[in-house]
Protein backbone atom coordinates (compact mmCIF):
# COMPACT_ATOMS: atom_id res chain seq x y z
CA MET A 1 94.74 167.96 70.13
CA TYR A 2 96.92 170.58 68.50
CA VAL A 3 100.19 172.51 68.74
CA ARG A 4 99.68 176.07 69.86
CA GLN A 5 102.03 179.03 70.01
CA ILE A 6 102.15 181.51 72.89
CA SER A 7 104.43 184.48 73.31
CA ARG A 8 105.65 187.01 75.85
CA VAL A 9 107.34 190.37 75.44
CA ASN A 10 110.59 191.11 77.23
CA LYS A 11 111.44 194.43 78.81
CA ASP A 12 113.58 195.31 75.81
CA GLY A 13 110.59 194.84 73.50
CA THR A 14 111.69 191.54 71.98
CA ARG A 15 109.03 188.85 71.66
CA ILE A 16 109.73 185.24 72.66
CA ARG A 17 107.49 182.50 71.26
CA TYR A 18 106.87 179.09 72.81
CA LEU A 19 105.26 175.93 71.43
CA GLN A 20 102.92 173.71 73.43
CA LEU A 21 100.93 170.54 72.79
CA ALA A 22 97.39 171.14 74.03
CA HIS A 23 93.78 170.09 73.67
CA LYS A 24 90.40 171.52 74.54
CA VAL A 25 88.60 170.48 77.73
CA ARG A 26 85.41 171.73 79.31
CA ASP A 27 85.80 173.52 82.62
CA PRO A 28 83.72 171.55 85.18
CA GLU A 29 82.72 174.75 87.01
CA THR A 30 82.01 177.24 84.23
CA GLY A 31 81.20 174.75 81.47
CA MET A 32 83.32 176.80 79.09
CA PRO A 33 86.05 175.24 76.93
CA ARG A 34 89.63 175.91 77.90
CA ASP A 35 93.10 174.81 76.81
CA LYS A 36 94.86 172.05 78.71
CA VAL A 37 98.60 171.89 78.07
CA LEU A 38 99.94 168.34 77.66
CA HIS A 39 103.54 169.12 76.81
CA HIS A 40 105.85 172.16 76.61
CA PHE A 41 108.19 172.05 73.62
CA GLY A 42 110.07 175.17 74.72
CA ARG A 43 111.16 178.24 72.80
CA ALA A 44 110.22 178.10 69.13
CA ASP A 45 113.57 179.55 68.02
CA GLN A 46 115.48 176.83 69.90
CA ILE A 47 113.54 173.80 68.69
CA ASP A 48 115.33 171.56 66.19
CA PRO A 49 113.03 171.18 63.13
CA GLU A 50 114.39 167.65 62.59
CA GLN A 51 113.13 166.66 66.04
CA LEU A 52 109.64 167.84 65.11
CA LYS A 53 109.85 165.84 61.88
CA ARG A 54 110.81 162.72 63.79
CA LEU A 55 107.90 163.29 66.17
CA ILE A 56 105.46 163.67 63.27
CA LYS A 57 106.78 160.50 61.61
CA SER A 58 106.49 158.61 64.89
CA ILE A 59 102.86 159.67 65.32
CA SER A 60 102.04 158.91 61.67
CA ARG A 61 102.88 155.21 62.26
CA PHE A 62 99.47 154.85 63.88
CA LEU A 63 97.60 156.17 60.83
CA ASP A 64 96.45 154.40 57.70
CA PRO A 65 99.55 153.43 55.66
CA ALA A 66 98.45 155.61 52.73
CA GLU A 67 98.09 158.63 55.01
CA GLN A 68 101.46 157.85 56.57
CA VAL A 69 103.13 157.91 53.15
CA GLN A 70 101.47 161.22 52.30
CA ILE A 71 102.62 162.82 55.54
CA GLU A 72 106.19 161.61 55.26
CA ALA A 73 106.33 162.68 51.62
CA GLY A 74 105.10 166.13 52.63
CA LEU A 75 107.85 166.40 55.24
CA GLU A 76 110.42 165.69 52.55
CA GLY A 77 108.87 168.22 50.17
CA LEU A 78 107.48 165.54 47.85
CA GLY A 79 103.81 165.82 48.70
CA GLY A 80 102.79 167.22 45.32
CA ASP A 81 104.58 164.48 43.40
CA ILE A 82 103.28 161.37 45.19
CA VAL A 83 99.78 159.97 44.94
CA VAL A 84 99.13 156.86 47.01
CA GLU A 85 96.71 154.64 45.10
CA ARG A 86 96.99 151.55 47.30
CA SER A 87 98.97 150.39 50.32
CA LEU A 88 99.45 146.68 51.02
CA ALA A 89 101.20 144.79 53.80
CA PHE A 90 104.02 142.67 52.37
CA GLY A 91 106.56 141.80 55.08
CA GLY A 92 104.67 138.89 56.64
CA SER A 93 103.77 137.18 53.37
CA TYR A 94 107.35 137.66 52.11
CA VAL A 95 108.86 135.88 55.12
CA LEU A 96 106.34 133.04 54.87
CA ASP A 97 106.98 132.75 51.14
CA GLN A 98 110.70 132.31 51.80
CA LEU A 99 109.94 129.51 54.29
CA TRP A 100 107.50 128.00 51.79
CA GLN A 101 110.27 127.85 49.19
CA ARG A 102 112.85 126.66 51.73
CA LEU A 103 110.61 123.68 52.44
CA GLU A 104 110.24 123.29 48.64
CA LEU A 105 106.48 123.20 48.89
CA ASP A 106 106.28 125.12 45.64
CA LYS A 107 108.29 122.38 43.90
CA ALA A 108 106.30 119.57 45.51
CA LEU A 109 103.04 121.15 44.35
CA ALA A 110 104.47 121.80 40.89
CA ARG A 111 105.27 118.08 40.51
CA LEU A 112 101.72 117.13 41.47
CA LEU A 113 100.23 119.80 39.23
CA THR A 114 101.95 118.42 36.13
CA ARG A 115 99.34 115.65 36.16
CA ARG A 116 96.48 118.12 35.91
CA ASP A 117 95.72 121.09 33.71
CA TYR A 118 94.49 124.08 35.74
CA ALA A 119 93.76 127.53 34.40
CA ILE A 120 94.44 129.01 37.86
CA ASP A 121 97.65 129.07 39.89
CA ILE A 122 96.87 126.43 42.50
CA GLU A 123 100.23 126.74 44.25
CA ARG A 124 99.85 130.49 44.81
CA LEU A 125 96.26 130.11 45.96
CA LEU A 126 97.25 127.49 48.53
CA PHE A 127 100.08 129.69 49.74
CA ALA A 128 97.71 132.66 50.04
CA MET A 129 95.39 130.65 52.29
CA VAL A 130 98.30 129.48 54.44
CA ALA A 131 99.66 133.04 54.74
CA ASN A 132 96.24 134.38 55.62
CA ARG A 133 95.79 131.72 58.30
CA ALA A 134 99.14 132.70 59.83
CA LEU A 135 98.82 136.48 59.57
CA ASP A 136 95.14 137.41 59.57
CA PRO A 137 92.89 134.33 59.94
CA SER A 138 89.61 134.62 58.09
CA SER A 139 87.15 132.69 55.95
CA LYS A 140 87.68 131.89 52.27
CA LEU A 141 85.61 134.97 51.45
CA GLY A 142 87.86 136.92 53.79
CA VAL A 143 90.93 135.68 51.89
CA GLU A 144 89.35 137.05 48.70
CA ARG A 145 89.21 140.50 50.33
CA TRP A 146 92.63 140.12 51.97
CA VAL A 147 94.78 139.41 48.92
CA GLY A 148 95.38 142.48 46.81
CA GLN A 149 93.36 144.76 49.08
CA ARG A 150 95.12 144.44 52.41
CA ALA A 151 98.13 142.23 51.74
CA ALA A 152 100.47 141.59 48.83
CA VAL A 153 101.22 138.02 47.77
CA ARG A 154 103.91 137.38 45.19
CA ASP A 155 102.55 136.65 41.70
CA LEU A 156 98.96 136.91 42.90
CA GLU A 157 97.18 140.20 42.25
CA SER A 158 93.83 139.01 43.55
CA VAL A 159 91.81 135.86 44.22
CA GLN A 160 88.24 134.73 43.77
CA VAL A 161 86.56 132.57 46.35
CA HIS A 162 85.51 129.86 43.86
CA ALA A 163 89.18 129.47 42.86
CA LEU A 164 90.10 128.97 46.52
CA TYR A 165 87.60 126.13 46.78
CA ARG A 166 89.09 124.50 43.67
CA ALA A 167 92.52 124.76 45.29
CA MET A 168 91.08 123.13 48.43
CA ASP A 169 89.75 120.25 46.29
CA PHE A 170 93.26 119.73 44.92
CA LEU A 171 94.70 119.83 48.44
CA ALA A 172 92.23 117.22 49.67
CA GLU A 173 93.02 114.98 46.71
CA HIS A 174 96.80 115.14 47.21
CA GLY A 175 96.98 115.78 50.95
CA GLU A 176 98.95 112.64 51.77
CA ALA A 177 101.61 113.34 49.15
CA ILE A 178 101.96 116.95 50.32
CA GLN A 179 102.30 115.89 53.97
CA LYS A 180 104.99 113.40 52.96
CA ALA A 181 106.88 116.12 51.08
CA VAL A 182 106.74 118.47 54.08
CA TYR A 183 107.97 115.72 56.40
CA GLN A 184 110.88 114.82 54.12
CA GLN A 185 112.01 118.44 53.85
CA MET A 186 111.73 119.02 57.61
CA ALA A 187 113.66 115.83 58.33
CA SER A 188 116.34 116.86 55.84
CA HIS A 189 116.74 120.44 57.11
CA LEU A 190 116.76 119.43 60.80
CA ASN A 191 118.74 116.20 60.33
CA LEU A 192 115.98 114.24 62.03
CA GLU A 193 116.12 110.55 62.87
CA VAL A 194 112.49 109.77 63.55
CA ASP A 195 111.58 106.84 65.79
CA LEU A 196 108.22 108.09 67.05
CA LEU A 197 105.56 110.24 65.41
CA PHE A 198 102.77 112.07 67.28
CA PHE A 199 99.55 112.45 65.35
CA ASP A 200 96.88 114.85 66.55
CA THR A 201 93.31 113.59 66.25
CA THR A 202 90.06 115.23 67.24
CA THR A 203 88.48 112.07 68.65
CA THR A 204 89.77 108.55 69.28
CA TYR A 205 87.29 105.72 69.80
CA PHE A 206 87.02 101.94 69.91
CA GLU A 207 84.45 99.64 68.35
CA THR A 208 84.10 96.52 70.49
CA GLU A 209 81.46 94.10 71.71
CA GLU A 210 82.61 94.20 75.31
CA ALA A 211 84.17 96.91 77.43
CA ASP A 212 87.28 96.38 79.51
CA PRO A 213 86.39 94.78 82.84
CA ASP A 214 88.58 97.30 84.60
CA ALA A 215 86.85 100.69 84.90
CA GLU A 216 90.17 102.37 84.21
CA GLY A 217 90.57 100.56 80.89
CA LEU A 218 90.54 102.48 77.64
CA ARG A 219 87.71 100.51 76.02
CA GLN A 220 84.62 101.81 77.76
CA TYR A 221 81.09 102.53 76.50
CA GLY A 222 80.24 106.16 75.78
CA ARG A 223 82.50 109.19 75.68
CA PRO A 224 85.44 109.34 78.10
CA SER A 225 85.05 111.77 80.98
């Protein structure tokens, strides 16, 4: 696909040029390539250059972010001064980080971490895994590739998978305390008066010597249908 220019000569000898968006197709009868016009922009001398710039920027949104920056910089005459070394997504992790702090999860983890001496930033690693699960779910090895290569996480340039597993060990050890902290913050922010809690479980079962005599009873042998 490309922009092509065609022209015609008026009776007075002046030449009028037109711009068209076209692409090559193969003629089904002759087998020869020919131009197929997709859009007529109109006379070249009447086209607003700013409209073309806006069109180019709109199309560039579907390219790699680094290429998009290069194109937009070129449109502004800055192409020779900008070199894109890396482009990372940041918006999603920023919003989640604000919610994380609003729920004071960072403070709750900091209190628990004072009891242990870690050489790695457990709080940031746990946040990175939560953000990845929300934005681009992947394995722990995928999180290692995600942080610093595809997404930016505050105060975390990169992660190593073995550090993520250490953070998971800490989470398992203090899971109950963390859940309690999340509940207290949610109850405070939403002014909740809790009378009933719903707890999701994968499987519920009974251990009993005798099943309920009624076939509709809950205590039955085997898995429920």
